[in-house]
Amino acid sequence: MKHSRTADGRIRYESRRTEARANDARCVFDYAAGAVLQQPAPGSLEFFLVERYRLYSSAPDGLRRGAVFHELYPLCRADVRAWDESLLPLDGFAPTGRAPDHVIMSRGVDVTIFPLERLGSS
């Protein structure tokens, strides 16, 4: 996977899956921040989709979880110029052949990540 950012703020992600079943599948996403949106209300779809305060990571000894603290993300519309569905079939999803239904983004905030804890019993 690689990432680039243009001088005018456009963001581009390119990914290539190399395992045998992926047959060198690739995808590209290209977007930029658009109009600023109001803060989402707790209980709204945007709040549910964006405000996450846990992260998960796979480790050799099992799944780990960490608490995350951050200010509310300032949201904005995303100007999406390229998106790709070529990886969906690898996980059993059918490509839709249409633009995404709902796209928002944040320019970001600083986050504090607390030490990861191993989940489950030994």
C-alpha atoms as a PDB file:
ATOM      1  CA  MET A   1       0.000   0.000   0.000  1.00  0.00           C
ATOM      2  CA  LYS A   2       1.239   3.493  -0.713  1.00  0.00           C
ATOM      3  CA  HIS A   3      -0.052   6.960   0.000  1.00  0.00           C
ATOM      4  CA  SER A   4       0.621  10.361  -1.509  1.00  0.00           C
ATOM      5  CA  ARG A   5      -0.629  13.915  -1.009  1.00  0.00           C
ATOM      6  CA  THR A   6      -0.551  16.663  -3.622  1.00  0.00           C
ATOM      7  CA  ALA A   7       0.352  20.293  -2.934  1.00  0.00           C
ATOM      8  CA  ASP A   8      -3.352  21.210  -3.151  1.00  0.00           C
ATOM      9  CA  GLY A   9      -4.298  18.592  -0.508  1.00  0.00           C
ATOM     10  CA  ARG A  10      -5.590  15.700  -2.629  1.00  0.00           C
ATOM     11  CA  ILE A  11      -4.921  12.322  -1.038  1.00  0.00           C
ATOM     12  CA  ARG A  12      -4.287   9.139  -3.006  1.00  0.00           C
ATOM     13  CA  TYR A  13      -4.057   5.577  -1.728  1.00  0.00           C
ATOM     14  CA  GLU A  14      -3.002   2.696  -3.911  1.00  0.00           C
ATOM     15  CA  SER A  15      -3.055  -0.898  -2.731  1.00  0.00           C
ATOM     16  CA  ARG A  16      -1.941  -4.175  -4.277  1.00  0.00           C
ATOM     17  CA  ARG A  17      -2.772  -7.589  -2.827  1.00  0.00           C
ATOM     18  CA  THR A  18       0.022 -10.072  -3.490  1.00  0.00           C
ATOM     19  CA  GLU A  19      -1.246 -13.350  -2.051  1.00  0.00           C
ATOM     20  CA  ALA A  20      -2.025 -16.086  -4.602  1.00  0.00           C
ATOM     21  CA  ARG A  21      -5.829 -15.855  -4.328  1.00  0.00           C
ATOM     22  CA  ALA A  22      -5.731 -12.094  -4.990  1.00  0.00           C
ATOM     23  CA  ASN A  23      -4.065 -12.521  -8.392  1.00  0.00           C
ATOM     24  CA  ASP A  24      -2.219  -9.190  -7.926  1.00  0.00           C
ATOM     25  CA  ALA A  25      -5.510  -7.249  -7.460  1.00  0.00           C
ATOM     26  CA  ARG A  26      -5.120  -3.482  -7.131  1.00  0.00           C
ATOM     27  CA  CYS A  27      -7.284  -0.590  -5.973  1.00  0.00           C
ATOM     28  CA  VAL A  28      -7.013   3.199  -5.992  1.00  0.00           C
ATOM     29  CA  PHE A  29      -8.745   5.905  -3.932  1.00  0.00           C
ATOM     30  CA  ASP A  30      -8.326   9.629  -4.625  1.00  0.00           C
ATOM     31  CA  TYR A  31     -10.064  12.289  -2.552  1.00  0.00           C
ATOM     32  CA  ALA A  32      -9.771  15.733  -0.950  1.00  0.00           C
ATOM     33  CA  ALA A  33     -11.442  17.600   1.894  1.00  0.00           C
ATOM     34  CA  GLY A  34     -14.554  19.549   0.891  1.00  0.00           C
ATOM     35  CA  ALA A  35     -17.125  21.682   2.722  1.00  0.00           C
ATOM     36  CA  VAL A  36     -16.987  21.685   6.523  1.00  0.00           C
ATOM     37  CA  LEU A  37     -19.894  19.920   8.274  1.00  0.00           C
ATOM     38  CA  GLN A  38     -21.462  20.513  11.673  1.00  0.00           C
ATOM     39  CA  GLN A  39     -20.338  18.307  14.555  1.00  0.00           C
ATOM     40  CA  PRO A  40     -22.404  15.109  14.522  1.00  0.00           C
ATOM     41  CA  ALA A  41     -24.837  14.586  17.382  1.00  0.00           C
ATOM     42  CA  PRO A  42     -24.311  11.555  19.610  1.00  0.00           C
ATOM     43  CA  GLY A  43     -26.582   8.808  18.281  1.00  0.00           C
ATOM     44  CA  SER A  44     -26.374  10.034  14.665  1.00  0.00           C
ATOM     45  CA  LEU A  45     -25.027   7.884  11.843  1.00  0.00           C
ATOM     46  CA  GLU A  46     -21.968  10.133  11.455  1.00  0.00           C
ATOM     47  CA  PHE A  47     -21.147   9.957  15.162  1.00  0.00           C
ATOM     48  CA  PHE A  48     -21.457   6.155  15.089  1.00  0.00           C
ATOM     49  CA  LEU A  49     -19.278   5.805  11.982  1.00  0.00           C
ATOM     50  CA  VAL A  50     -16.547   8.263  12.982  1.00  0.00           C
ATOM     51  CA  GLU A  51     -16.157   8.479  16.743  1.00  0.00           C
ATOM     52  CA  ARG A  52     -14.209   5.415  17.819  1.00  0.00           C
ATOM     53  CA  TYR A  53     -12.346   5.194  21.094  1.00  0.00           C
ATOM     54  CA  ARG A  54     -10.841   1.700  20.852  1.00  0.00           C
ATOM     55  CA  LEU A  55      -8.360   0.143  18.468  1.00  0.00           C
ATOM     56  CA  TYR A  56      -7.631  -3.493  17.844  1.00  0.00           C
ATOM     57  CA  SER A  57      -4.457  -5.173  16.685  1.00  0.00           C
ATOM     58  CA  SER A  58      -3.506  -8.730  15.872  1.00  0.00           C
ATOM     59  CA  ALA A  59      -0.376  -9.985  17.636  1.00  0.00           C
ATOM     60  CA  PRO A  60       1.355 -13.396  17.594  1.00  0.00           C
ATOM     61  CA  ASP A  61      -0.173 -14.174  21.001  1.00  0.00           C
ATOM     62  CA  GLY A  62      -3.712 -13.054  20.062  1.00  0.00           C
ATOM     63  CA  LEU A  63      -5.919 -10.016  19.698  1.00  0.00           C
ATOM     64  CA  ARG A  64      -5.023  -6.825  21.567  1.00  0.00           C
ATOM     65  CA  ARG A  65      -7.186  -3.795  22.398  1.00  0.00           C
ATOM     66  CA  GLY A  66      -6.207  -0.245  23.247  1.00  0.00           C
ATOM     67  CA  ALA A  67      -8.147   2.758  24.490  1.00  0.00           C
ATOM     68  CA  VAL A  68      -7.918   5.910  22.366  1.00  0.00           C
ATOM     69  CA  PHE A  69      -8.586   9.498  23.469  1.00  0.00           C
ATOM     70  CA  HIS A  70      -9.136  12.406  21.092  1.00  0.00           C
ATOM     71  CA  GLU A  71     -11.198  15.525  20.616  1.00  0.00           C
ATOM     72  CA  LEU A  72     -14.243  15.147  18.366  1.00  0.00           C
ATOM     73  CA  TYR A  73     -13.202  14.849  14.742  1.00  0.00           C
ATOM     74  CA  PRO A  74     -13.999  17.981  12.717  1.00  0.00           C
ATOM     75  CA  LEU A  75     -15.883  16.507   9.753  1.00  0.00           C
ATOM     76  CA  CYS A  76     -16.154  17.651   6.163  1.00  0.00           C
ATOM     77  CA  ARG A  77     -17.458  16.342   2.899  1.00  0.00           C
ATOM     78  CA  ALA A  78     -14.989  14.408   0.771  1.00  0.00           C
ATOM     79  CA  ASP A  79     -14.479  15.205  -2.901  1.00  0.00           C
ATOM     80  CA  VAL A  80     -13.939  11.669  -4.213  1.00  0.00           C
ATOM     81  CA  ARG A  81     -12.478  11.473  -7.713  1.00  0.00           C
ATOM     82  CA  ALA A  82     -11.466   7.808  -7.791  1.00  0.00           C
ATOM     83  CA  TRP A  83     -12.583   4.759  -5.863  1.00  0.00           C
ATOM     84  CA  ASP A  84     -12.182   1.127  -6.604  1.00  0.00           C
ATOM     85  CA  GLU A  85     -14.163  -2.020  -5.842  1.00  0.00           C
ATOM     86  CA  SER A  86     -11.704  -4.562  -7.241  1.00  0.00           C
ATOM     87  CA  LEU A  87     -10.806  -5.993  -3.813  1.00  0.00           C
ATOM     88  CA  LEU A  88     -14.415  -6.640  -2.716  1.00  0.00           C
ATOM     89  CA  PRO A  89     -14.772 -10.049  -4.405  1.00  0.00           C
ATOM     90  CA  LEU A  90     -11.709 -11.314  -2.498  1.00  0.00           C
ATOM     91  CA  ASP A  91     -13.825 -11.240   0.667  1.00  0.00           C
ATOM     92  CA  GLY A  92     -17.107 -12.389  -0.879  1.00  0.00           C
ATOM     93  CA  PHE A  93     -18.676  -8.992  -1.574  1.00  0.00           C
ATOM     94  CA  ALA A  94     -20.194  -8.109  -4.943  1.00  0.00           C
ATOM     95  CA  PRO A  95     -19.051  -4.819  -6.520  1.00  0.00           C
ATOM     96  CA  THR A  96     -21.892  -2.296  -6.761  1.00  0.00           C
ATOM     97  CA  GLY A  97     -20.718  -0.508  -9.905  1.00  0.00           C
ATOM     98  CA  ARG A  98     -21.744   2.870  -8.500  1.00  0.00           C
ATOM     99  CA  ALA A  99     -20.347   5.712  -6.427  1.00  0.00           C
ATOM    100  CA  PRO A 100     -20.156   5.359  -2.627  1.00  0.00           C
ATOM    101  CA  ASP A 101     -23.430   6.086  -0.778  1.00  0.00           C
ATOM    102  CA  HIS A 102     -21.983   8.164   2.058  1.00  0.00           C
ATOM    103  CA  VAL A 103     -18.576   9.825   2.173  1.00  0.00           C
ATOM    104  CA  ILE A 104     -17.265  12.127   4.900  1.00  0.00           C
ATOM    105  CA  MET A 105     -13.797  12.667   6.274  1.00  0.00           C
ATOM    106  CA  SER A 106     -11.796  14.599   8.832  1.00  0.00           C
ATOM    107  CA  ARG A 107      -8.626  16.579   8.444  1.00  0.00           C
ATOM    108  CA  GLY A 108      -7.616  14.862  11.687  1.00  0.00           C
ATOM    109  CA  VAL A 109      -6.917  15.442  15.352  1.00  0.00           C
ATOM    110  CA  ASP A 110      -4.128  14.468  17.720  1.00  0.00           C
ATOM    111  CA  VAL A 111      -4.813  11.192  19.531  1.00  0.00           C
ATOM    112  CA  THR A 112      -3.497   9.513  22.667  1.00  0.00           C
ATOM    113  CA  ILE A 113      -3.339   5.718  22.504  1.00  0.00           C
ATOM    114  CA  PHE A 114      -3.087   3.890  25.793  1.00  0.00           C
ATOM    115  CA  PRO A 115      -1.099   0.640  26.203  1.00  0.00           C
ATOM    116  CA  LEU A 116      -2.595  -2.335  24.400  1.00  0.00           C
ATOM    117  CA  GLU A 117      -4.111  -5.123  26.479  1.00  0.00           C
ATOM    118  CA  ARG A 118      -4.279  -8.750  25.428  1.00  0.00           C
ATOM    119  CA  LEU A 119      -7.860  -9.961  25.026  1.00  0.00           C
ATOM    120  CA  GLY A 120      -9.081 -13.327  26.202  1.00  0.00           C
ATOM    121  CA  SER A 121      -7.659 -15.739  28.701  1.00  0.00           C
ATOM    122  CA  SER A 122      -4.309 -17.463  28.336  1.00  0.00           C
END
